[in-house]
């Protein structure tokens, strides 16, 4: 393999930047401004990266092999997405999500829905260590509450994503938190403790924004008491509510805490929901399987839409495995670009050049943030976004006398919590599909996710919150020289 790679043309910095700049331009202009579909834009980006690989001397078979290798790694994510569709459909069928929405409408005031969504998902994600689990359980229910209260759905989705990734970032049960500590060669609890410097201010800032928004007109008009009363009455008329309906989400959250295999756990939660729907709601097995595959529809009840306000079908008619097919196509397109780009070695060229211009701690932190976001966006792989910058910058941190926990904190600030804000990554796709709000719409409201970057930059250039190595452990090394 090395002999083959030695025969390939090397990329200049300009050529290495070409596919990434092209992708960003296509997405910003085509998707962000012109409103074009994201899938063909990503395929165009993949074509540019593949053309560059062909110019270097790689064969079409090698390009396909690289793309297939990327997609193989994405298969667990794709299977989870399919299971989430089934989960939502069956939980609507059983009455699990409507039950949580019912109590949310009764207990949560419209002025406090954003702060409640933020706090509740934060607590669940800290306890379970999973952003996807908390968004897919309490997050979905809270979105239903927000819809019932007529609160801005992008604002509610931003609050849910912020809370979900607060726990994913600092929970000792989170796989990304553990992975960041491992790749940066620091201990888990030193890493979490150091993360608090950027995470707590971000948490407080987000909480203040959600509290302020709830008491202003920033989230639009809220529902009248009569509208909320009508929705509650309709839900009571459709479903037979019982405390046992919370068993499916309890099962999923228990499995997340105990680190049980995700896919079997979700499928078992779907099965449990179908059983509850048959036993408590009087629906049939065929209807349960239809909800699992095609999504729940209110017409499954004998009385159907009779006497139901228009808001209720909009709340309930969703889910099903087939509802995730367009999402999976997006994942395929994104990973096609990532596979072709990885083969070219463009990222290595860019990052090596970046390492030659770093002189101060602030520049090093900024370079780490930029590289982590670049790898996240270019590869659509959250683990690579932690691994690659950690490997590249370890020596630079030691050379400047900085503790590695600065590195682990920075890659989490710019990787783990930024991934759901990029529309083409698996996390971005999952959050947008699960919550029913596009990534760019919820992005401004996901304050917790992006605020930490600004605190990390402030700390880097001021020196506050920067941990330094004892003098004896500092390993001065010569500055890298540009080739």
Protein backbone atom coordinates (compact mmCIF):
# COMPACT_ATOMS: atom_id res chain seq x y z
CA UNK A 1 0.00 0.00 0.00
CA UNK A 2 2.83 2.42 0.86
CA UNK A 3 4.52 1.68 -2.45
CA UNK A 4 1.29 2.51 -4.26
CA UNK A 5 0.88 5.75 -2.31
CA UNK A 6 4.47 6.78 -3.10
CA UNK A 7 3.59 6.71 -6.82
CA UNK A 8 0.71 9.15 -6.36
CA UNK A 9 0.95 12.88 -7.02
CA UNK A 10 1.23 15.00 -3.90
CA UNK A 11 -1.17 17.85 -3.30
CA UNK A 12 -0.26 21.49 -2.95
CA UNK A 13 -2.07 23.47 -0.28
CA UNK A 14 -4.34 25.02 -2.90
CA UNK A 15 -5.37 21.66 -4.35
CA UNK A 16 -5.86 20.22 -0.85
CA UNK A 17 -8.21 23.08 -0.02
CA UNK A 18 -10.16 22.77 -3.29
CA UNK A 19 -12.68 20.02 -2.36
CA UNK A 20 -13.32 21.45 1.11
CA UNK A 21 -13.77 25.02 -0.13
CA UNK A 22 -16.01 23.71 -2.93
CA UNK A 23 -18.15 21.78 -0.46
CA UNK A 24 -18.53 24.77 1.86
CA UNK A 25 -19.35 27.09 -1.06
CA UNK A 26 -21.94 24.68 -2.45
CA UNK A 27 -23.59 24.21 0.94
CA UNK A 28 -23.54 27.88 1.93
CA UNK A 29 -24.76 29.23 -1.42
CA UNK A 30 -26.81 26.28 -2.65
CA UNK A 31 -28.33 25.05 0.59
CA UNK A 32 -28.18 28.11 2.84
CA UNK A 33 -29.05 30.84 0.29
CA UNK A 34 -30.80 29.21 -2.69
CA UNK A 35 -32.55 26.49 -0.67
CA UNK A 36 -31.38 23.64 -2.90
CA UNK A 37 -31.48 20.03 -1.74
CA UNK A 38 -28.39 19.10 0.26
CA UNK A 39 -27.95 15.60 -1.21
CA UNK A 40 -27.02 16.64 -4.79
CA UNK A 41 -24.73 19.35 -3.40
CA UNK A 42 -22.85 16.73 -1.38
CA UNK A 43 -22.65 14.47 -4.43
CA UNK A 44 -21.13 17.35 -6.42
CA UNK A 45 -18.60 17.80 -3.60
CA UNK A 46 -17.86 14.06 -3.70
CA UNK A 47 -17.35 14.27 -7.48
CA UNK A 48 -14.78 17.06 -7.04
CA UNK A 49 -12.90 15.05 -4.37
CA UNK A 50 -13.03 11.93 -6.59
CA UNK A 51 -11.71 13.91 -9.58
CA UNK A 52 -8.81 15.10 -7.44
CA UNK A 53 -8.07 11.50 -6.39
CA UNK A 54 -8.14 10.40 -10.06
CA UNK A 55 -5.69 13.21 -10.93
CA UNK A 56 -3.37 11.95 -8.18
CA UNK A 57 -3.30 8.54 -9.85
CA UNK A 58 -5.83 6.58 -7.79
CA UNK A 59 -8.08 4.20 -9.70
CA UNK A 60 -11.87 4.28 -9.63
CA UNK A 61 -11.84 0.99 -7.70
CA UNK A 62 -9.65 2.55 -5.00
CA UNK A 63 -12.02 5.51 -4.71
CA UNK A 64 -15.03 3.17 -4.40
CA UNK A 65 -13.18 1.05 -1.80
CA UNK A 66 -12.47 4.17 0.27
CA UNK A 67 -16.13 5.26 0.09
CA UNK A 68 -17.34 1.76 0.98
CA UNK A 69 -14.94 1.68 3.93
CA UNK A 70 -16.44 4.92 5.22
CA UNK A 71 -19.98 3.68 4.71
CA UNK A 72 -19.17 0.43 6.52
CA UNK A 73 -18.23 2.48 9.58
CA UNK A 74 -21.49 4.41 9.23
CA UNK A 75 -23.70 1.31 9.18
CA UNK A 76 -24.27 1.23 12.97
CA UNK A 77 -25.42 4.87 12.76
CA UNK A 78 -27.73 4.06 9.83
CA UNK A 79 -29.24 1.12 11.71
CA UNK A 80 -29.82 3.30 14.78
CA UNK A 81 -31.56 5.92 12.61
CA UNK A 82 -33.89 3.24 11.22
CA UNK A 83 -34.64 2.00 14.74
CA UNK A 84 -35.41 5.56 15.90
CA UNK A 85 -38.08 5.80 13.20
CA UNK A 86 -39.64 2.58 14.46
CA UNK A 87 -39.34 3.80 18.04
CA UNK A 88 -41.23 7.03 17.40
CA UNK A 89 -43.98 5.24 15.44
CA UNK A 90 -44.55 2.56 18.09
CA UNK A 91 -44.37 5.02 20.98
CA UNK A 92 -47.13 7.04 19.31
CA UNK A 93 -49.04 3.77 18.85
CA UNK A 94 -48.74 2.82 22.52
CA UNK A 95 -49.50 6.31 23.83
CA UNK A 96 -46.06 6.73 25.41
CA UNK A 97 -45.17 10.02 23.72
CA UNK A 98 -48.74 11.40 23.91
CA UNK A 99 -48.72 10.56 27.65
CA UNK A 100 -45.54 12.61 28.19
CA UNK A 101 -46.91 15.43 26.01
CA UNK A 102 -50.17 15.33 27.98
CA UNK A 103 -48.42 15.90 31.30
CA UNK A 104 -46.07 18.43 29.77
CA UNK A 105 -49.00 20.52 28.56
CA UNK A 106 -50.63 20.31 31.98
CA UNK A 107 -47.53 21.14 34.01
CA UNK A 108 -45.25 23.38 31.91
CA UNK A 109 -46.06 27.03 31.33
CA UNK A 110 -45.28 28.38 27.82
CA UNK A 111 -42.91 30.94 29.37
CA UNK A 112 -40.78 28.15 30.82
CA UNK A 113 -40.88 25.52 28.07
CA UNK A 114 -37.42 26.40 26.67
CA UNK A 115 -35.66 26.42 30.03
CA UNK A 116 -37.54 23.26 31.05
CA UNK A 117 -36.52 21.50 27.82
CA UNK A 118 -32.91 22.54 28.37
CA UNK A 119 -32.76 21.41 32.01
CA UNK A 120 -34.67 18.14 31.52
CA UNK A 121 -32.54 16.96 28.59
CA UNK A 122 -29.40 18.08 30.45
CA UNK A 123 -30.30 15.94 33.46
CA UNK A 124 -31.19 12.91 31.34
CA UNK A 125 -28.04 13.18 29.20
CA UNK A 126 -25.76 13.57 32.25
CA UNK A 127 -27.37 10.51 33.84
CA UNK A 128 -27.19 8.40 30.69
CA UNK A 129 -24.21 9.86 28.84
CA UNK A 130 -26.09 9.77 25.54
CA UNK A 131 -27.26 12.79 23.56
CA UNK A 132 -29.13 10.64 21.05
CA UNK A 133 -30.99 8.76 23.78
CA UNK A 134 -32.09 11.89 25.62
CA UNK A 135 -33.16 13.67 22.41
CA UNK A 136 -34.99 10.57 21.15
CA UNK A 137 -36.96 10.10 24.39
CA UNK A 138 -37.67 13.21 26.48
CA UNK A 139 -36.60 15.43 23.57
CA UNK A 140 -39.33 14.13 21.28
CA UNK A 141 -41.92 14.52 24.03
CA UNK A 142 -40.79 18.08 24.76
CA UNK A 143 -41.07 18.95 21.07
CA UNK A 144 -44.66 17.72 21.26
CA UNK A 145 -45.26 19.96 24.26
CA UNK A 146 -43.75 22.94 22.42
CA UNK A 147 -45.96 22.24 19.40
CA UNK A 148 -49.02 22.02 21.64
CA UNK A 149 -48.15 25.33 23.28
CA UNK A 150 -47.47 26.88 19.85
CA UNK A 151 -43.94 27.79 20.94
CA UNK A 152 -41.25 28.22 18.27
CA UNK A 153 -40.12 24.71 17.29
CA UNK A 154 -36.59 25.83 16.24
CA UNK A 155 -36.13 27.42 19.69
CA UNK A 156 -37.39 24.27 21.43
CA UNK A 157 -35.20 22.04 19.26
CA UNK A 158 -32.17 24.22 20.00
CA UNK A 159 -32.84 23.93 23.73
CA UNK A 160 -33.18 20.14 23.47
CA UNK A 161 -29.96 19.77 21.47
CA UNK A 162 -28.11 22.06 23.89
CA UNK A 163 -29.24 20.02 26.87
CA UNK A 164 -28.59 16.70 25.17
CA UNK A 165 -25.01 17.62 24.31
CA UNK A 166 -24.31 19.15 27.72
CA UNK A 167 -24.44 15.65 29.18
CA UNK A 168 -22.76 14.02 26.19
CA UNK A 169 -19.86 16.37 26.81
CA UNK A 170 -19.30 16.04 30.57
CA UNK A 171 -20.94 12.80 31.67
CA UNK A 172 -18.46 10.09 32.75
CA UNK A 173 -20.82 7.64 31.01
CA UNK A 174 -20.44 9.36 27.62
CA UNK A 175 -18.36 7.50 25.04
CA UNK A 176 -17.15 10.75 23.44
CA UNK A 177 -16.01 12.12 26.83
CA UNK A 178 -14.07 8.95 27.54
CA UNK A 179 -12.66 8.86 24.00
CA UNK A 180 -11.45 12.47 24.14
CA UNK A 181 -9.57 11.77 27.38
CA UNK A 182 -7.99 8.62 25.94
CA UNK A 183 -6.78 10.11 22.65
CA UNK A 184 -5.35 13.17 24.41
CA UNK A 185 -3.50 11.05 27.01
CA UNK A 186 -5.20 12.45 30.08
CA UNK A 187 -7.43 10.95 32.76
CA UNK A 188 -11.22 10.99 32.50
CA UNK A 189 -11.92 13.03 35.62
CA UNK A 190 -9.12 15.53 34.95
CA UNK A 191 -10.65 15.98 31.50
CA UNK A 192 -14.18 16.51 32.89
CA UNK A 193 -12.95 18.88 35.59
CA UNK A 194 -11.08 20.97 33.02
CA UNK A 195 -14.12 20.96 30.69
CA UNK A 196 -16.10 22.82 33.34
CA UNK A 197 -14.13 26.00 32.59
CA UNK A 198 -15.86 26.32 29.22
CA UNK A 199 -18.98 24.22 29.80
CA UNK A 200 -20.41 25.90 32.91
CA UNK A 201 -20.27 29.46 31.47
CA UNK A 202 -21.85 28.11 28.27
CA UNK A 203 -24.57 26.39 30.31
CA UNK A 204 -25.36 29.58 32.25
CA UNK A 205 -25.39 31.68 29.07
CA UNK A 206 -27.77 29.23 27.37
CA UNK A 207 -30.05 29.12 30.43
CA UNK A 208 -30.19 32.93 30.49
CA UNK A 209 -31.09 33.06 26.77
CA UNK A 210 -33.90 30.49 27.17
CA UNK A 211 -35.26 32.21 30.26
CA UNK A 212 -35.19 35.61 28.58
CA UNK A 213 -36.73 34.27 25.37
CA UNK A 214 -39.60 32.68 27.30
CA UNK A 215 -40.52 36.02 28.86
CA UNK A 216 -40.30 38.02 25.64
CA UNK A 217 -41.75 37.86 22.14
CA UNK A 218 -38.60 36.14 20.78
CA UNK A 219 -40.40 32.79 20.47
CA UNK A 220 -43.55 34.15 18.87
CA UNK A 221 -47.15 33.87 20.00
CA UNK A 222 -47.96 31.10 22.45
CA UNK A 223 -51.12 29.05 22.47
CA UNK A 224 -54.23 30.26 24.20
CA UNK A 225 -55.37 28.34 27.30
CA UNK A 226 -58.41 27.12 25.32
CA UNK A 227 -56.23 25.62 22.57
CA UNK A 228 -54.12 23.77 25.12
CA UNK A 229 -57.27 22.56 26.88
CA UNK A 230 -58.64 21.26 23.57
CA UNK A 231 -55.46 19.30 22.83
CA UNK A 232 -55.42 17.78 26.32
CA UNK A 233 -59.08 16.80 26.00
CA UNK A 234 -58.45 15.20 22.57
CA UNK A 235 -55.49 13.20 23.89
CA UNK A 236 -57.61 11.97 26.80
CA UNK A 237 -60.33 10.97 24.36
CA UNK A 238 -58.00 9.05 22.06
CA UNK A 239 -55.78 7.22 24.53
CA UNK A 240 -56.19 5.32 27.79
CA UNK A 241 -53.38 6.85 29.82
CA UNK A 242 -51.58 4.79 32.44
CA UNK A 243 -48.29 5.17 34.28
CA UNK A 244 -46.98 1.96 32.66
CA UNK A 245 -46.71 3.88 29.37
CA UNK A 246 -43.40 5.32 30.54
CA UNK A 247 -41.83 1.83 30.57
CA UNK A 248 -40.39 2.02 27.00
CA UNK A 249 -38.35 5.22 27.62
CA UNK A 250 -37.35 3.96 31.07
CA UNK A 251 -36.06 0.79 29.39
CA UNK A 252 -34.04 2.81 26.85
CA UNK A 253 -32.57 5.09 29.50
CA UNK A 254 -31.72 2.14 31.76
CA UNK A 255 -29.97 0.44 28.85
CA UNK A 256 -28.03 3.63 28.10
CA UNK A 257 -26.80 3.85 31.70
CA UNK A 258 -25.85 0.16 31.73
CA UNK A 259 -24.16 0.45 28.30
CA UNK A 260 -26.34 -2.24 26.74
CA UNK A 261 -26.22 -2.76 22.93
CA UNK A 262 -28.24 0.08 21.43
CA UNK A 263 -29.99 -1.59 18.50
CA UNK A 264 -31.40 -4.65 20.35
CA UNK A 265 -32.44 -2.33 23.18
CA UNK A 266 -34.36 -0.03 20.83
CA UNK A 267 -36.04 -2.92 19.04
CA UNK A 268 -37.12 -4.40 22.37
CA UNK A 269 -38.52 -0.99 23.38
CA UNK A 270 -40.49 -0.99 20.09
CA UNK A 271 -41.86 -4.46 20.87
CA UNK A 272 -42.83 -3.39 24.40
CA UNK A 273 -44.62 -0.33 22.98
CA UNK A 274 -46.58 -2.49 20.52
CA UNK A 275 -47.66 -4.77 23.38
CA UNK A 276 -48.77 -1.74 25.42
CA UNK A 277 -50.67 -0.33 22.45
CA UNK A 278 -52.55 -3.61 22.00
CA UNK A 279 -53.23 -4.06 25.73
CA UNK A 280 -54.12 -0.48 26.71
CA UNK A 281 -55.32 1.23 23.54
CA UNK A 282 -57.23 -1.71 22.02
CA UNK A 283 -55.32 -1.53 18.74
CA UNK A 284 -54.30 -4.57 16.68
CA UNK A 285 -50.95 -6.25 16.06
CA UNK A 286 -51.20 -5.36 12.36
CA UNK A 287 -51.65 -1.69 13.25
CA UNK A 288 -48.67 -1.91 15.59
CA UNK A 289 -46.46 -3.31 12.84
CA UNK A 290 -47.78 -0.67 10.43
CA UNK A 291 -46.80 2.03 12.95
CA UNK A 292 -43.39 0.40 13.27
CA UNK A 293 -42.78 0.42 9.51
CA UNK A 294 -44.83 3.31 8.08
CA UNK A 295 -45.45 5.45 11.14
CA UNK A 296 -48.46 6.03 13.37
CA UNK A 297 -51.65 7.57 12.00
CA UNK A 298 -54.57 8.76 14.08
CA UNK A 299 -56.99 6.97 11.72
CA UNK A 300 -55.90 3.71 13.40
CA UNK A 301 -58.42 4.55 16.11
CA UNK A 302 -62.02 3.60 15.32
CA UNK A 303 -63.20 7.18 15.76
CA UNK A 304 -60.30 8.49 13.67
CA UNK A 305 -60.27 12.27 13.23
CA UNK A 306 -63.83 12.78 14.46
CA UNK A 307 -63.98 15.78 16.80
CA UNK A 308 -60.19 16.12 16.86
CA UNK A 309 -58.62 19.59 16.58
CA UNK A 310 -56.20 20.05 13.68
CA UNK A 311 -53.17 20.29 15.99
CA UNK A 312 -53.50 16.71 17.27
CA UNK A 313 -52.86 14.85 13.98
CA UNK A 314 -49.84 17.12 13.42
CA UNK A 315 -48.55 16.00 16.82
CA UNK A 316 -49.24 12.29 16.43
CA UNK A 317 -48.94 11.31 12.75
CA UNK A 318 -45.23 10.56 12.48
CA UNK A 319 -42.47 7.99 12.87
CA UNK A 320 -41.90 4.63 11.20
CA UNK A 321 -38.79 3.04 9.71
CA UNK A 322 -39.62 4.31 6.21
CA UNK A 323 -39.62 7.90 7.50
CA UNK A 324 -35.83 7.62 7.86
CA UNK A 325 -35.08 6.67 4.25
CA UNK A 326 -34.42 10.24 3.07
CA UNK A 327 -32.18 10.74 6.09
CA UNK A 328 -30.19 7.63 5.23
CA UNK A 329 -29.72 8.89 1.67
CA UNK A 330 -28.21 12.06 3.11
CA UNK A 331 -25.80 9.98 5.20
CA UNK A 332 -24.75 8.03 2.08
CA UNK A 333 -24.07 11.26 0.15
CA UNK A 334 -22.09 12.79 3.03
CA UNK A 335 -19.95 9.71 3.54
CA UNK A 336 -19.29 9.45 -0.21
CA UNK A 337 -17.63 12.85 -0.01
CA UNK A 338 -15.78 11.88 3.17
CA UNK A 339 -14.48 8.63 1.64
CA UNK A 340 -13.14 10.31 -1.51
CA UNK A 341 -11.59 13.17 0.48
CA UNK A 342 -9.85 10.80 2.91
CA UNK A 343 -8.18 8.99 0.01
CA UNK A 344 -6.64 12.21 -1.33
CA UNK A 345 -4.86 12.98 1.96
CA UNK A 346 -6.00 16.62 1.66
CA UNK A 347 -6.60 17.00 5.40
CA UNK A 348 -3.05 15.93 6.24
CA UNK A 349 -1.62 18.54 3.86
CA UNK A 350 -3.77 21.32 5.33
CA UNK A 351 -3.07 20.45 8.95
CA UNK A 352 0.71 20.03 8.43
CA UNK A 353 0.84 23.50 6.92
CA UNK A 354 -1.19 24.84 9.83
CA UNK A 355 1.32 23.45 12.32
CA UNK A 356 4.10 25.55 10.81
CA UNK A 357 2.58 28.92 11.78
CA UNK A 358 1.68 28.31 15.44
CA UNK A 359 3.62 30.48 17.88
CA UNK A 360 1.39 31.23 20.90
CA UNK A 361 -1.06 29.38 23.15
CA UNK A 362 -3.96 31.32 21.69
CA UNK A 363 -2.93 30.37 18.17
CA UNK A 364 -2.57 26.74 19.22
CA UNK A 365 -6.07 26.68 20.76
CA UNK A 366 -7.49 28.41 17.67
CA UNK A 367 -5.70 25.96 15.36
CA UNK A 368 -7.03 23.01 17.36
CA UNK A 369 -10.58 24.38 17.17
CA UNK A 370 -10.31 25.06 13.44
CA UNK A 371 -8.82 21.65 12.72
CA UNK A 372 -11.43 19.83 14.81
CA UNK A 373 -14.31 21.60 13.06
CA UNK A 374 -12.65 20.96 9.69
CA UNK A 375 -12.25 17.24 10.36
CA UNK A 376 -15.82 17.04 11.72
CA UNK A 377 -17.27 18.67 8.63
CA UNK A 378 -15.03 16.92 6.10
CA UNK A 379 -15.30 13.38 7.47
CA UNK A 380 -18.76 13.46 9.14
CA UNK A 381 -17.17 11.29 11.80
CA UNK A 382 -17.30 12.41 15.42
CA UNK A 383 -14.62 9.99 16.60
CA UNK A 384 -12.15 11.03 13.87
CA UNK A 385 -12.82 14.65 14.81
CA UNK A 386 -11.42 13.85 18.26
CA UNK A 387 -8.66 11.45 17.21
CA UNK A 388 -7.03 13.34 14.33
CA UNK A 389 -6.46 16.70 16.11
CA UNK A 390 -5.33 14.91 19.27
CA UNK A 391 -2.67 12.98 17.35
CA UNK A 392 -1.53 16.02 15.39
CA UNK A 393 -1.31 18.52 18.24
CA UNK A 394 -0.05 16.47 21.20
CA UNK A 395 3.59 17.38 20.66
CA UNK A 396 2.73 21.04 20.06
CA UNK A 397 0.99 21.24 23.45
CA UNK A 398 3.93 19.58 25.20
CA UNK A 399 6.40 21.84 23.38
CA UNK A 400 4.57 24.89 24.77
CA UNK A 401 4.46 23.41 28.28
CA UNK A 402 0.70 22.86 28.23
CA UNK A 403 -1.07 20.00 29.98
CA UNK A 404 -2.83 17.59 27.62
CA UNK A 405 -6.14 18.24 29.33
CA UNK A 406 -6.17 21.58 27.46
CA UNK A 407 -6.10 19.54 24.26
CA UNK A 408 -8.84 17.12 25.36
CA UNK A 409 -11.06 20.05 26.42
CA UNK A 410 -10.57 21.92 23.15
CA UNK A 411 -11.36 18.98 20.88
CA UNK A 412 -14.57 18.35 22.83
CA UNK A 413 -15.51 22.05 22.67
CA UNK A 414 -15.07 22.06 18.89
CA UNK A 415 -15.96 18.47 17.99
CA UNK A 416 -18.52 16.67 20.13
CA UNK A 417 -20.93 19.60 20.50
CA UNK A 418 -20.41 21.14 17.05
CA UNK A 419 -21.17 17.92 15.15
CA UNK A 420 -25.00 18.21 15.60
CA UNK A 421 -24.89 21.74 14.14
CA UNK A 422 -23.58 20.58 10.74
CA UNK A 423 -26.51 19.42 8.56
CA UNK A 424 -24.63 16.62 6.78
CA UNK A 425 -23.07 14.85 9.77
CA UNK A 426 -24.75 11.80 11.29
CA UNK A 427 -25.45 13.73 14.52
CA UNK A 428 -26.88 16.69 12.59
CA UNK A 429 -29.06 14.40 10.53
CA UNK A 430 -30.24 12.50 13.61
CA UNK A 431 -31.18 15.60 15.60
CA UNK A 432 -32.97 17.28 12.69
CA UNK A 433 -34.91 14.14 11.79
CA UNK A 434 -35.78 13.13 15.35
CA UNK A 435 -36.89 16.61 16.43
CA UNK A 436 -38.50 17.57 13.11
CA UNK A 437 -36.59 20.85 12.70
CA UNK A 438 -33.84 21.56 10.15
CA UNK A 439 -30.32 21.96 11.48
CA UNK A 440 -29.89 25.54 10.25
CA UNK A 441 -33.19 26.54 11.87
CA UNK A 442 -32.26 25.20 15.30
CA UNK A 443 -28.58 26.23 15.12
CA UNK A 444 -28.96 29.82 16.50
CA UNK A 445 -30.82 28.43 19.50
CA UNK A 446 -28.30 25.68 20.35
CA UNK A 447 -26.38 28.16 22.49
CA UNK A 448 -24.71 25.57 24.74
CA UNK A 449 -23.16 23.86 21.71
CA UNK A 450 -21.27 26.77 20.17
CA UNK A 451 -20.70 29.15 23.10
CA UNK A 452 -17.85 27.02 24.49
CA UNK A 453 -15.74 27.79 21.41
CA UNK A 454 -15.74 31.49 22.25
CA UNK A 455 -14.79 30.82 25.87
CA UNK A 456 -12.01 28.46 24.69
CA UNK A 457 -10.60 31.19 22.43
CA UNK A 458 -10.81 33.82 25.19
CA UNK A 459 -8.99 31.52 27.61
CA UNK A 460 -6.36 30.66 25.00
CA UNK A 461 -5.44 34.27 24.30
CA UNK A 462 -5.71 35.50 27.91
CA UNK A 463 -4.17 32.46 29.64
CA UNK A 464 -7.11 32.08 32.04
CA UNK A 465 -8.14 28.46 32.63
CA UNK A 466 -5.06 27.10 30.84
CA UNK A 467 -3.31 24.26 32.70
CA UNK A 468 0.47 24.18 32.35
CA UNK A 469 2.90 21.32 32.87
CA UNK A 470 5.43 21.40 35.68
CA UNK A 471 8.72 22.76 34.30
CA UNK A 472 10.36 19.32 34.53
CA UNK A 473 7.79 17.78 32.15
CA UNK A 474 8.07 20.41 29.45
CA UNK A 475 9.64 19.05 26.30
CA UNK A 476 10.91 21.88 24.12
CA UNK A 477 11.16 20.92 20.51
CA UNK A 478 12.24 22.85 17.44
CA UNK A 479 9.53 24.65 15.52
CA UNK A 480 8.31 22.68 12.50
CA UNK A 481 9.64 23.95 9.19
CA UNK A 482 7.51 24.22 6.08
CA UNK A 483 8.44 21.76 3.38
